Amino acid sequence: MKVVRFNTSLIPPEQKIPNMGWNEIQVKKNHPIFKDLYFEPRYYFVHSYHFKLVNPQEALCTTQYGYDFVSGFCKDNIIGVQFHPEKSHKYGMKLMENFVKM
């Protein structure tokens, strides 16, 4: 896995870097971390970079910001997310609750 800067040539001018604010995620893989999520889960992001996976099968979720990028992954027993669950109200609380239960 790599971490890469957003490709600004693919992002409309009205979308600024760093990406700061609420974005929805699209769950790509059934995983216990996403159990019983709220409808249309959205999370708080503050970032200028994103994951670039060597193995696309490791992607848990993606987010759209000018283009789709991987916003969560799982490899073996490691889970990583691009967003801030602790700043994401009920959506983040549910994600953290699921993490603790795992």
PDB file of N, CA and C in Angstrom:
ATOM      1  N   MET A   1       0.839  -1.171   0.000  1.00  0.00           N
ATOM      2  CA  MET A   1       0.000   0.000   0.000  1.00  0.00           C
ATOM      3  C   MET A   1       0.889   1.241   0.000  1.00  0.00           C
ATOM      4  N   LYS A   2       0.386   2.258  -0.665  1.00  0.00           N
ATOM      5  CA  LYS A   2       1.023   3.570  -0.676  1.00  0.00           C
ATOM      6  C   LYS A   2       0.008   4.595  -0.179  1.00  0.00           C
ATOM      7  N   VAL A   3       0.510   5.739   0.187  1.00  0.00           N
ATOM      8  CA  VAL A   3      -0.339   6.890   0.461  1.00  0.00           C
ATOM      9  C   VAL A   3       0.071   7.945  -0.558  1.00  0.00           C
ATOM     10  N   VAL A   4      -0.919   8.448  -1.321  1.00  0.00           N
ATOM     11  CA  VAL A   4      -0.627   9.391  -2.402  1.00  0.00           C
ATOM     12  C   VAL A   4      -1.442  10.668  -2.222  1.00  0.00           C
ATOM     13  N   ARG A   5      -0.898  11.759  -2.739  1.00  0.00           N
ATOM     14  CA  ARG A   5      -1.603  13.049  -2.707  1.00  0.00           C
ATOM     15  C   ARG A   5      -2.737  13.008  -3.719  1.00  0.00           C
ATOM     16  N   PHE A   6      -3.825  13.710  -3.428  1.00  0.00           N
ATOM     17  CA  PHE A   6      -4.921  13.802  -4.382  1.00  0.00           C
ATOM     18  C   PHE A   6      -4.419  14.334  -5.723  1.00  0.00           C
ATOM     19  N   ASN A   7      -4.940  13.762  -6.796  1.00  0.00           N
ATOM     20  CA  ASN A   7      -4.627  14.221  -8.139  1.00  0.00           C
ATOM     21  C   ASN A   7      -5.527  15.433  -8.420  1.00  0.00           C
ATOM     22  N   THR A   8      -4.984  16.624  -8.253  1.00  0.00           N
ATOM     23  CA  THR A   8      -5.785  17.843  -8.368  1.00  0.00           C
ATOM     24  C   THR A   8      -6.317  18.070  -9.785  1.00  0.00           C
ATOM     25  N   SER A   9      -5.717  17.440 -10.783  1.00  0.00           N
ATOM     26  CA  SER A   9      -6.232  17.603 -12.146  1.00  0.00           C
ATOM     27  C   SER A   9      -7.575  16.887 -12.330  1.00  0.00           C
ATOM     28  N   LEU A  10      -7.919  15.988 -11.417  1.00  0.00           N
ATOM     29  CA  LEU A  10      -9.195  15.252 -11.505  1.00  0.00           C
ATOM     30  C   LEU A  10     -10.264  15.815 -10.573  1.00  0.00           C
ATOM     31  N   ILE A  11      -9.908  16.847  -9.828  1.00  0.00           N
ATOM     32  CA  ILE A  11     -10.839  17.416  -8.848  1.00  0.00           C
ATOM     33  C   ILE A  11     -11.350  18.763  -9.363  1.00  0.00           C
ATOM     34  N   PRO A  12     -12.674  18.959  -9.387  1.00  0.00           N
ATOM     35  CA  PRO A  12     -13.228  20.242  -9.837  1.00  0.00           C
ATOM     36  C   PRO A  12     -12.722  21.405  -8.973  1.00  0.00           C
ATOM     37  N   PRO A  13     -12.617  22.589  -9.547  1.00  0.00           N
ATOM     38  CA  PRO A  13     -12.075  23.745  -8.809  1.00  0.00           C
ATOM     39  C   PRO A  13     -12.838  24.080  -7.529  1.00  0.00           C
ATOM     40  N   GLU A  14     -14.131  23.774  -7.482  1.00  0.00           N
ATOM     41  CA  GLU A  14     -14.915  24.085  -6.276  1.00  0.00           C
ATOM     42  C   GLU A  14     -14.612  23.127  -5.115  1.00  0.00           C
ATOM     43  N   GLN A  15     -13.943  22.029  -5.406  1.00  0.00           N
ATOM     44  CA  GLN A  15     -13.539  21.093  -4.353  1.00  0.00           C
ATOM     45  C   GLN A  15     -12.095  21.381  -3.988  1.00  0.00           C
ATOM     46  N   LYS A  16     -11.871  21.813  -2.783  1.00  0.00           N
ATOM     47  CA  LYS A  16     -10.547  22.259  -2.333  1.00  0.00           C
ATOM     48  C   LYS A  16      -9.747  21.119  -1.707  1.00  0.00           C
ATOM     49  N   ILE A  17      -8.453  21.290  -1.727  1.00  0.00           N
ATOM     50  CA  ILE A  17      -7.518  20.421  -1.028  1.00  0.00           C
ATOM     51  C   ILE A  17      -6.867  21.284   0.053  1.00  0.00           C
ATOM     52  N   PRO A  18      -6.859  20.887   1.311  1.00  0.00           N
ATOM     53  CA  PRO A  18      -7.298  19.595   1.790  1.00  0.00           C
ATOM     54  C   PRO A  18      -8.819  19.452   1.765  1.00  0.00           C
ATOM     55  N   ASN A  19      -9.243  18.214   1.641  1.00  0.00           N
ATOM     56  CA  ASN A  19     -10.654  17.871   1.724  1.00  0.00           C
ATOM     57  C   ASN A  19     -11.039  17.962   3.197  1.00  0.00           C
ATOM     58  N   MET A  20     -11.908  18.893   3.523  1.00  0.00           N
ATOM     59  CA  MET A  20     -12.368  19.068   4.903  1.00  0.00           C
ATOM     60  C   MET A  20     -13.879  19.071   4.902  1.00  0.00           C
ATOM     61  N   GLY A  21     -14.458  18.101   5.584  1.00  0.00           N
ATOM     62  CA  GLY A  21     -15.905  18.079   5.693  1.00  0.00           C
ATOM     63  C   GLY A  21     -16.461  16.670   5.647  1.00  0.00           C
ATOM     64  N   TRP A  22     -17.779  16.613   5.500  1.00  0.00           N
ATOM     65  CA  TRP A  22     -18.520  15.355   5.532  1.00  0.00           C
ATOM     66  C   TRP A  22     -18.608  14.738   4.153  1.00  0.00           C
ATOM     67  N   ASN A  23     -18.350  13.433   4.084  1.00  0.00           N
ATOM     68  CA  ASN A  23     -18.478  12.672   2.843  1.00  0.00           C
ATOM     69  C   ASN A  23     -19.093  11.315   3.158  1.00  0.00           C
ATOM     70  N   GLU A  24     -19.878  10.806   2.227  1.00  0.00           N
ATOM     71  CA  GLU A  24     -20.428   9.467   2.367  1.00  0.00           C
ATOM     72  C   GLU A  24     -19.382   8.447   1.948  1.00  0.00           C
ATOM     73  N   ILE A  25     -19.502   7.257   2.535  1.00  0.00           N
ATOM     74  CA  ILE A  25     -18.652   6.147   2.102  1.00  0.00           C
ATOM     75  C   ILE A  25     -19.514   5.142   1.361  1.00  0.00           C
ATOM     76  N   GLN A  26     -18.886   4.391   0.484  1.00  0.00           N
ATOM     77  CA  GLN A  26     -19.539   3.288  -0.210  1.00  0.00           C
ATOM     78  C   GLN A  26     -18.840   2.018   0.260  1.00  0.00           C
ATOM     79  N   VAL A  27     -19.579   1.205   1.004  1.00  0.00           N
ATOM     80  CA  VAL A  27     -19.016  -0.041   1.529  1.00  0.00           C
ATOM     81  C   VAL A  27     -18.796  -0.997   0.365  1.00  0.00           C
ATOM     82  N   LYS A  28     -17.601  -1.543   0.259  1.00  0.00           N
ATOM     83  CA  LYS A  28     -17.225  -2.427  -0.844  1.00  0.00           C
ATOM     84  C   LYS A  28     -17.087  -3.882  -0.423  1.00  0.00           C
ATOM     85  N   LYS A  29     -16.997  -4.125   0.882  1.00  0.00           N
ATOM     86  CA  LYS A  29     -16.770  -5.484   1.360  1.00  0.00           C
ATOM     87  C   LYS A  29     -17.526  -5.683   2.663  1.00  0.00           C
ATOM     88  N   ASN A  30     -18.190  -6.821   2.768  1.00  0.00           N
ATOM     89  CA  ASN A  30     -18.872  -7.174   4.001  1.00  0.00           C
ATOM     90  C   ASN A  30     -17.818  -7.430   5.072  1.00  0.00           C
ATOM     91  N   HIS A  31     -17.861  -6.655   6.150  1.00  0.00           N
ATOM     92  CA  HIS A  31     -16.872  -6.757   7.209  1.00  0.00           C
ATOM     93  C   HIS A  31     -17.544  -6.378   8.529  1.00  0.00           C
ATOM     94  N   PRO A  32     -17.152  -7.006   9.646  1.00  0.00           N
ATOM     95  CA  PRO A  32     -17.782  -6.690  10.939  1.00  0.00           C
ATOM     96  C   PRO A  32     -17.685  -5.225  11.347  1.00  0.00           C
ATOM     97  N   ILE A  33     -16.706  -4.503  10.852  1.00  0.00           N
ATOM     98  CA  ILE A  33     -16.574  -3.081  11.201  1.00  0.00           C
ATOM     99  C   ILE A  33     -17.783  -2.276  10.713  1.00  0.00           C
ATOM    100  N   PHE A  34     -18.479  -2.780   9.693  1.00  0.00           N
ATOM    101  CA  PHE A  34     -19.629  -2.076   9.121  1.00  0.00           C
ATOM    102  C   PHE A  34     -20.976  -2.653   9.554  1.00  0.00           C
ATOM    103  N   LYS A  35     -20.977  -3.513  10.553  1.00  0.00           N
ATOM    104  CA  LYS A  35     -22.223  -4.147  10.984  1.00  0.00           C
ATOM    105  C   LYS A  35     -23.232  -3.106  11.477  1.00  0.00           C
ATOM    106  N   ASP A  36     -24.457  -3.204  10.962  1.00  0.00           N
ATOM    107  CA  ASP A  36     -25.577  -2.352  11.396  1.00  0.00           C
ATOM    108  C   ASP A  36     -25.291  -0.856  11.275  1.00  0.00           C
ATOM    109  N   LEU A  37     -24.586  -0.458  10.225  1.00  0.00           N
ATOM    110  CA  LEU A  37     -24.342   0.980  10.019  1.00  0.00           C
ATOM    111  C   LEU A  37     -25.649   1.707   9.742  1.00  0.00           C
ATOM    112  N   TYR A  38     -25.647   2.978  10.045  1.00  0.00           N
ATOM    113  CA  TYR A  38     -26.793   3.817   9.717  1.00  0.00           C
ATOM    114  C   TYR A  38     -26.907   3.948   8.201  1.00  0.00           C
ATOM    115  N   PHE A  39     -28.116   4.222   7.734  1.00  0.00           N
ATOM    116  CA  PHE A  39     -28.369   4.435   6.313  1.00  0.00           C
ATOM    117  C   PHE A  39     -27.530   5.613   5.824  1.00  0.00           C
ATOM    118  N   GLU A  40     -26.947   5.477   4.647  1.00  0.00           N
ATOM    119  CA  GLU A  40     -26.091   6.508   4.033  1.00  0.00           C
ATOM    120  C   GLU A  40     -25.027   7.012   5.017  1.00  0.00           C
ATOM    121  N   PRO A  41     -24.126   6.118   5.437  1.00  0.00           N
ATOM    122  CA  PRO A  41     -23.115   6.522   6.410  1.00  0.00           C
ATOM    123  C   PRO A  41     -22.191   7.604   5.867  1.00  0.00           C
ATOM    124  N   ARG A  42     -21.965   8.618   6.683  1.00  0.00           N
ATOM    125  CA  ARG A  42     -21.062   9.702   6.288  1.00  0.00           C
ATOM    126  C   ARG A  42     -20.131  10.014   7.458  1.00  0.00           C
ATOM    127  N   TYR A  43     -18.941  10.420   7.067  1.00  0.00           N
ATOM    128  CA  TYR A  43     -17.890  10.616   8.050  1.00  0.00           C
ATOM    129  C   TYR A  43     -17.154  11.919   7.778  1.00  0.00           C
ATOM    130  N   TYR A  44     -16.463  12.397   8.803  1.00  0.00           N
ATOM    131  CA  TYR A  44     -15.740  13.659   8.703  1.00  0.00           C
ATOM    132  C   TYR A  44     -14.309  13.398   8.239  1.00  0.00           C
ATOM    133  N   PHE A  45     -13.919  14.079   7.184  1.00  0.00           N
ATOM    134  CA  PHE A  45     -12.587  13.941   6.585  1.00  0.00           C
ATOM    135  C   PHE A  45     -11.813  15.252   6.726  1.00  0.00           C
ATOM    136  N   VAL A  46     -10.527  15.149   6.937  1.00  0.00           N
ATOM    137  CA  VAL A  46      -9.577  16.267   6.848  1.00  0.00           C
ATOM    138  C   VAL A  46      -8.296  15.659   6.298  1.00  0.00           C
ATOM    139  N   HIS A  47      -8.058  15.823   4.982  1.00  0.00           N
ATOM    140  CA  HIS A  47      -6.879  15.181   4.405  1.00  0.00           C
ATOM    141  C   HIS A  47      -6.573  15.718   3.008  1.00  0.00           C
ATOM    142  N   SER A  48      -5.336  15.499   2.607  1.00  0.00           N
ATOM    143  CA  SER A  48      -4.861  15.834   1.263  1.00  0.00           C
ATOM    144  C   SER A  48      -4.327  14.602   0.544  1.00  0.00           C
ATOM    145  N   TYR A  49      -4.327  13.469   1.236  1.00  0.00           N
ATOM    146  CA  TYR A  49      -3.762  12.226   0.718  1.00  0.00           C
ATOM    147  C   TYR A  49      -4.786  11.103   0.879  1.00  0.00           C
ATOM    148  N   HIS A  50      -4.557  10.000   0.186  1.00  0.00           N
ATOM    149  CA  HIS A  50      -5.418   8.830   0.328  1.00  0.00           C
ATOM    150  C   HIS A  50      -4.635   7.559   0.050  1.00  0.00           C
ATOM    151  N   PHE A  51      -5.244   6.424   0.424  1.00  0.00           N
ATOM    152  CA  PHE A  51      -4.621   5.118   0.214  1.00  0.00           C
ATOM    153  C   PHE A  51      -4.611   4.767  -1.267  1.00  0.00           C
ATOM    154  N   LYS A  52      -3.559   4.101  -1.690  1.00  0.00           N
ATOM    155  CA  LYS A  52      -3.501   3.466  -3.004  1.00  0.00           C
ATOM    156  C   LYS A  52      -3.034   2.045  -2.747  1.00  0.00           C
ATOM    157  N   LEU A  53      -3.951   1.106  -2.909  1.00  0.00           N
ATOM    158  CA  LEU A  53      -3.680  -0.280  -2.546  1.00  0.00           C
ATOM    159  C   LEU A  53      -3.019  -1.049  -3.686  1.00  0.00           C
ATOM    160  N   VAL A  54      -2.095  -1.919  -3.337  1.00  0.00           N
ATOM    161  CA  VAL A  54      -1.507  -2.842  -4.298  1.00  0.00           C
ATOM    162  C   VAL A  54      -2.534  -3.920  -4.626  1.00  0.00           C
ATOM    163  N   ASN A  55      -3.256  -4.376  -3.601  1.00  0.00           N
ATOM    164  CA  ASN A  55      -4.277  -5.404  -3.760  1.00  0.00           C
ATOM    165  C   ASN A  55      -5.659  -4.781  -3.569  1.00  0.00           C
ATOM    166  N   PRO A  56      -6.415  -4.540  -4.635  1.00  0.00           N
ATOM    167  CA  PRO A  56      -7.736  -3.912  -4.521  1.00  0.00           C
ATOM    168  C   PRO A  56      -8.719  -4.692  -3.655  1.00  0.00           C
ATOM    169  N   GLN A  57      -8.461  -6.001  -3.453  1.00  0.00           N
ATOM    170  CA  GLN A  57      -9.338  -6.820  -2.607  1.00  0.00           C
ATOM    171  C   GLN A  57      -9.292  -6.391  -1.137  1.00  0.00           C
ATOM    172  N   GLU A  58      -8.317  -5.596  -0.765  1.00  0.00           N
ATOM    173  CA  GLU A  58      -8.184  -5.125   0.620  1.00  0.00           C
ATOM    174  C   GLU A  58      -9.068  -3.910   0.901  1.00  0.00           C
ATOM    175  N   ALA A  59      -9.689  -3.332  -0.116  1.00  0.00           N
ATOM    176  CA  ALA A  59     -10.531  -2.143   0.071  1.00  0.00           C
ATOM    177  C   ALA A  59     -11.814  -2.511   0.813  1.00  0.00           C
ATOM    178  N   LEU A  60     -12.096  -1.773   1.881  1.00  0.00           N
ATOM    179  CA  LEU A  60     -13.350  -1.931   2.615  1.00  0.00           C
ATOM    180  C   LEU A  60     -14.394  -0.930   2.151  1.00  0.00           C
ATOM    181  N   CYS A  61     -13.943   0.283   1.848  1.00  0.00           N
ATOM    182  CA  CYS A  61     -14.879   1.322   1.411  1.00  0.00           C
ATOM    183  C   CYS A  61     -14.152   2.339   0.540  1.00  0.00           C
ATOM    184  N   THR A  62     -14.940   3.056  -0.229  1.00  0.00           N
ATOM    185  CA  THR A  62     -14.421   4.144  -1.058  1.00  0.00           C
ATOM    186  C   THR A  62     -15.239   5.393  -0.779  1.00  0.00           C
ATOM    187  N   THR A  63     -14.715   6.500  -1.228  1.00  0.00           N
ATOM    188  CA  THR A  63     -15.384   7.798  -1.104  1.00  0.00           C
ATOM    189  C   THR A  63     -15.148   8.562  -2.394  1.00  0.00           C
ATOM    190  N   GLN A  64     -16.092   9.373  -2.765  1.00  0.00           N
ATOM    191  CA  GLN A  64     -16.011  10.188  -3.977  1.00  0.00           C
ATOM    192  C   GLN A  64     -15.592  11.611  -3.585  1.00  0.00           C
ATOM    193  N   TYR A  65     -14.486  12.069  -4.133  1.00  0.00           N
ATOM    194  CA  TYR A  65     -14.056  13.463  -3.991  1.00  0.00           C
ATOM    195  C   TYR A  65     -13.315  13.826  -5.274  1.00  0.00           C
ATOM    196  N   GLY A  66     -14.073  14.169  -6.287  1.00  0.00           N
ATOM    197  CA  GLY A  66     -13.500  14.388  -7.614  1.00  0.00           C
ATOM    198  C   GLY A  66     -13.334  13.075  -8.351  1.00  0.00           C
ATOM    199  N   TYR A  67     -12.954  12.063  -7.642  1.00  0.00           N
ATOM    200  CA  TYR A  67     -12.856  10.692  -8.144  1.00  0.00           C
ATOM    201  C   TYR A  67     -12.983   9.752  -6.949  1.00  0.00           C
ATOM    202  N   ASP A  68     -13.255   8.486  -7.214  1.00  0.00           N
ATOM    203  CA  ASP A  68     -13.361   7.503  -6.134  1.00  0.00           C
ATOM    204  C   ASP A  68     -11.972   7.175  -5.603  1.00  0.00           C
ATOM    205  N   PHE A  69     -11.838   7.178  -4.287  1.00  0.00           N
ATOM    206  CA  PHE A  69     -10.588   6.772  -3.662  1.00  0.00           C
ATOM    207  C   PHE A  69     -10.898   5.813  -2.516  1.00  0.00           C
ATOM    208  N   VAL A  70      -9.938   4.982  -2.170  1.00  0.00           N
ATOM    209  CA  VAL A  70     -10.100   4.034  -1.069  1.00  0.00           C
ATOM    210  C   VAL A  70     -10.043   4.819   0.238  1.00  0.00           C
ATOM    211  N   SER A  71     -11.109   4.707   1.034  1.00  0.00           N
ATOM    212  CA  SER A  71     -11.156   5.423   2.313  1.00  0.00           C
ATOM    213  C   SER A  71     -11.119   4.470   3.507  1.00  0.00           C
ATOM    214  N   GLY A  72     -11.042   3.166   3.250  1.00  0.00           N
ATOM    215  CA  GLY A  72     -10.896   2.186   4.317  1.00  0.00           C
ATOM    216  C   GLY A  72     -10.350   0.891   3.747  1.00  0.00           C
ATOM    217  N   PHE A  73      -9.494   0.224   4.504  1.00  0.00           N
ATOM    218  CA  PHE A  73      -8.910  -1.028   4.024  1.00  0.00           C
ATOM    219  C   PHE A  73      -8.756  -2.000   5.187  1.00  0.00           C
ATOM    220  N   CYS A  74      -8.572  -3.257   4.847  1.00  0.00           N
ATOM    221  CA  CYS A  74      -8.275  -4.295   5.823  1.00  0.00           C
ATOM    222  C   CYS A  74      -7.261  -5.247   5.211  1.00  0.00           C
ATOM    223  N   LYS A  75      -6.182  -5.458   5.929  1.00  0.00           N
ATOM    224  CA  LYS A  75      -5.169  -6.438   5.514  1.00  0.00           C
ATOM    225  C   LYS A  75      -4.804  -7.239   6.755  1.00  0.00           C
ATOM    226  N   ASP A  76      -5.071  -8.534   6.685  1.00  0.00           N
ATOM    227  CA  ASP A  76      -4.858  -9.417   7.830  1.00  0.00           C
ATOM    228  C   ASP A  76      -5.656  -8.879   9.027  1.00  0.00           C
ATOM    229  N   ASN A  77      -4.977  -8.529  10.116  1.00  0.00           N
ATOM    230  CA  ASN A  77      -5.692  -8.009  11.284  1.00  0.00           C
ATOM    231  C   ASN A  77      -5.547  -6.489  11.426  1.00  0.00           C
ATOM    232  N   ILE A  78      -5.193  -5.814  10.349  1.00  0.00           N
ATOM    233  CA  ILE A  78      -5.029  -4.353  10.362  1.00  0.00           C
ATOM    234  C   ILE A  78      -6.179  -3.714   9.596  1.00  0.00           C
ATOM    235  N   ILE A  79      -6.845  -2.753  10.238  1.00  0.00           N
ATOM    236  CA  ILE A  79      -7.920  -1.989   9.609  1.00  0.00           C
ATOM    237  C   ILE A  79      -7.518  -0.521   9.666  1.00  0.00           C
ATOM    238  N   GLY A  80      -7.665   0.176   8.551  1.00  0.00           N
ATOM    239  CA  GLY A  80      -7.368   1.601   8.514  1.00  0.00           C
ATOM    240  C   GLY A  80      -8.472   2.357   7.805  1.00  0.00           C
ATOM    241  N   VAL A  81      -8.778   3.545   8.302  1.00  0.00           N
ATOM    242  CA  VAL A  81      -9.764   4.401   7.639  1.00  0.00           C
ATOM    243  C   VAL A  81      -9.169   5.792   7.452  1.00  0.00           C
ATOM    244  N   GLN A  82      -9.577   6.440   6.398  1.00  0.00           N
ATOM    245  CA  GLN A  82      -9.078   7.757   6.044  1.00  0.00           C
ATOM    246  C   GLN A  82      -9.753   8.852   6.863  1.00  0.00           C
ATOM    247  N   PHE A  83     -10.969   8.630   7.263  1.00  0.00           N
ATOM    248  CA  PHE A  83     -11.778   9.642   7.947  1.00  0.00           C
ATOM    249  C   PHE A  83     -11.541   9.604   9.456  1.00  0.00           C
ATOM    250  N   HIS A  84     -12.185  10.514  10.153  1.00  0.00           N
ATOM    251  CA  HIS A  84     -12.062  10.635  11.601  1.00  0.00           C
ATOM    252  C   HIS A  84     -13.327  10.132  12.280  1.00  0.00           C
ATOM    253  N   PRO A  85     -13.349   8.865  12.723  1.00  0.00           N
ATOM    254  CA  PRO A  85     -14.549   8.356  13.396  1.00  0.00           C
ATOM    255  C   PRO A  85     -14.894   9.167  14.653  1.00  0.00           C
ATOM    256  N   GLU A  86     -13.881   9.623  15.366  1.00  0.00           N
ATOM    257  CA  GLU A  86     -14.111  10.346  16.617  1.00  0.00           C
ATOM    258  C   GLU A  86     -14.786  11.699  16.404  1.00  0.00           C
ATOM    259  N   LYS A  87     -14.787  12.199  15.173  1.00  0.00           N
ATOM    260  CA  LYS A  87     -15.430  13.475  14.855  1.00  0.00           C
ATOM    261  C   LYS A  87     -16.688  13.284  14.017  1.00  0.00           C
ATOM    262  N   SER A  88     -17.143  12.033  13.913  1.00  0.00           N
ATOM    263  CA  SER A  88     -18.210  11.708  12.963  1.00  0.00           C
ATOM    264  C   SER A  88     -19.531  11.327  13.626  1.00  0.00           C
ATOM    265  N   HIS A  89     -19.780  11.863  14.813  1.00  0.00           N
ATOM    266  CA  HIS A  89     -21.061  11.701  15.516  1.00  0.00           C
ATOM    267  C   HIS A  89     -21.508  10.249  15.579  1.00  0.00           C
ATOM    268  N   LYS A  90     -22.788  10.007  15.365  1.00  0.00           N
ATOM    269  CA  LYS A  90     -23.343   8.654  15.526  1.00  0.00           C
ATOM    270  C   LYS A  90     -22.724   7.654  14.550  1.00  0.00           C
ATOM    271  N   TYR A  91     -22.311   8.124  13.393  1.00  0.00           N
ATOM    272  CA  TYR A  91     -21.705   7.235  12.397  1.00  0.00           C
ATOM    273  C   TYR A  91     -20.362   6.703  12.912  1.00  0.00           C
ATOM    274  N   GLY A  92     -19.557   7.593  13.442  1.00  0.00           N
ATOM    275  CA  GLY A  92     -18.265   7.203  13.992  1.00  0.00           C
ATOM    276  C   GLY A  92     -18.393   6.370  15.250  1.00  0.00           C
ATOM    277  N   MET A  93     -19.384   6.708  16.081  1.00  0.00           N
ATOM    278  CA  MET A  93     -19.597   5.936  17.307  1.00  0.00           C
ATOM    279  C   MET A  93     -19.952   4.490  16.973  1.00  0.00           C
ATOM    280  N   LYS A  94     -20.770   4.288  15.952  1.00  0.00           N
ATOM    281  CA  LYS A  94     -21.153   2.934  15.550  1.00  0.00           C
ATOM    282  C   LYS A  94     -19.933   2.171  15.036  1.00  0.00           C
ATOM    283  N   LEU A  95     -19.114   2.825  14.243  1.00  0.00           N
ATOM    284  CA  LEU A  95     -17.906   2.198  13.715  1.00  0.00           C
ATOM    285  C   LEU A  95     -16.971   1.797  14.863  1.00  0.00           C
ATOM    286  N   MET A  96     -16.780   2.684  15.831  1.00  0.00           N
ATOM    287  CA  MET A  96     -15.905   2.376  16.962  1.00  0.00           C
ATOM    288  C   MET A  96     -16.501   1.272  17.842  1.00  0.00           C
ATOM    289  N   GLU A  97     -17.820   1.279  18.011  1.00  0.00           N
ATOM    290  CA  GLU A  97     -18.481   0.217  18.757  1.00  0.00           C
ATOM    291  C   GLU A  97     -18.237  -1.141  18.088  1.00  0.00           C
ATOM    292  N   ASN A  98     -18.381  -1.170  16.765  1.00  0.00           N
ATOM    293  CA  ASN A  98     -18.126  -2.411  16.022  1.00  0.00           C
ATOM    294  C   ASN A  98     -16.673  -2.851  16.165  1.00  0.00           C
ATOM    295  N   PHE A  99     -15.766  -1.910  16.140  1.00  0.00           N
ATOM    296  CA  PHE A  99     -14.337  -2.227  16.270  1.00  0.00           C
ATOM    297  C   PHE A  99     -14.059  -2.886  17.618  1.00  0.00           C
ATOM    298  N   VAL A 100     -14.622  -2.299  18.679  1.00  0.00           N
ATOM    299  CA  VAL A 100     -14.401  -2.841  20.028  1.00  0.00           C
ATOM    300  C   VAL A 100     -14.993  -4.247  20.140  1.00  0.00           C
ATOM    301  N   LYS A 101     -16.136  -4.480  19.547  1.00  0.00           N
ATOM    302  CA  LYS A 101     -16.782  -5.790  19.602  1.00  0.00           C
ATOM    303  C   LYS A 101     -16.014  -6.863  18.827  1.00  0.00           C
ATOM    304  N   MET A 102     -15.210  -6.443  17.856  1.00  0.00           N
ATOM    305  CA  MET A 102     -14.446  -7.410  17.082  1.00  0.00           C
ATOM    306  C   MET A 102     -13.393  -8.054  17.952  1.00  0.00           C
TER     307      MET A 102
END
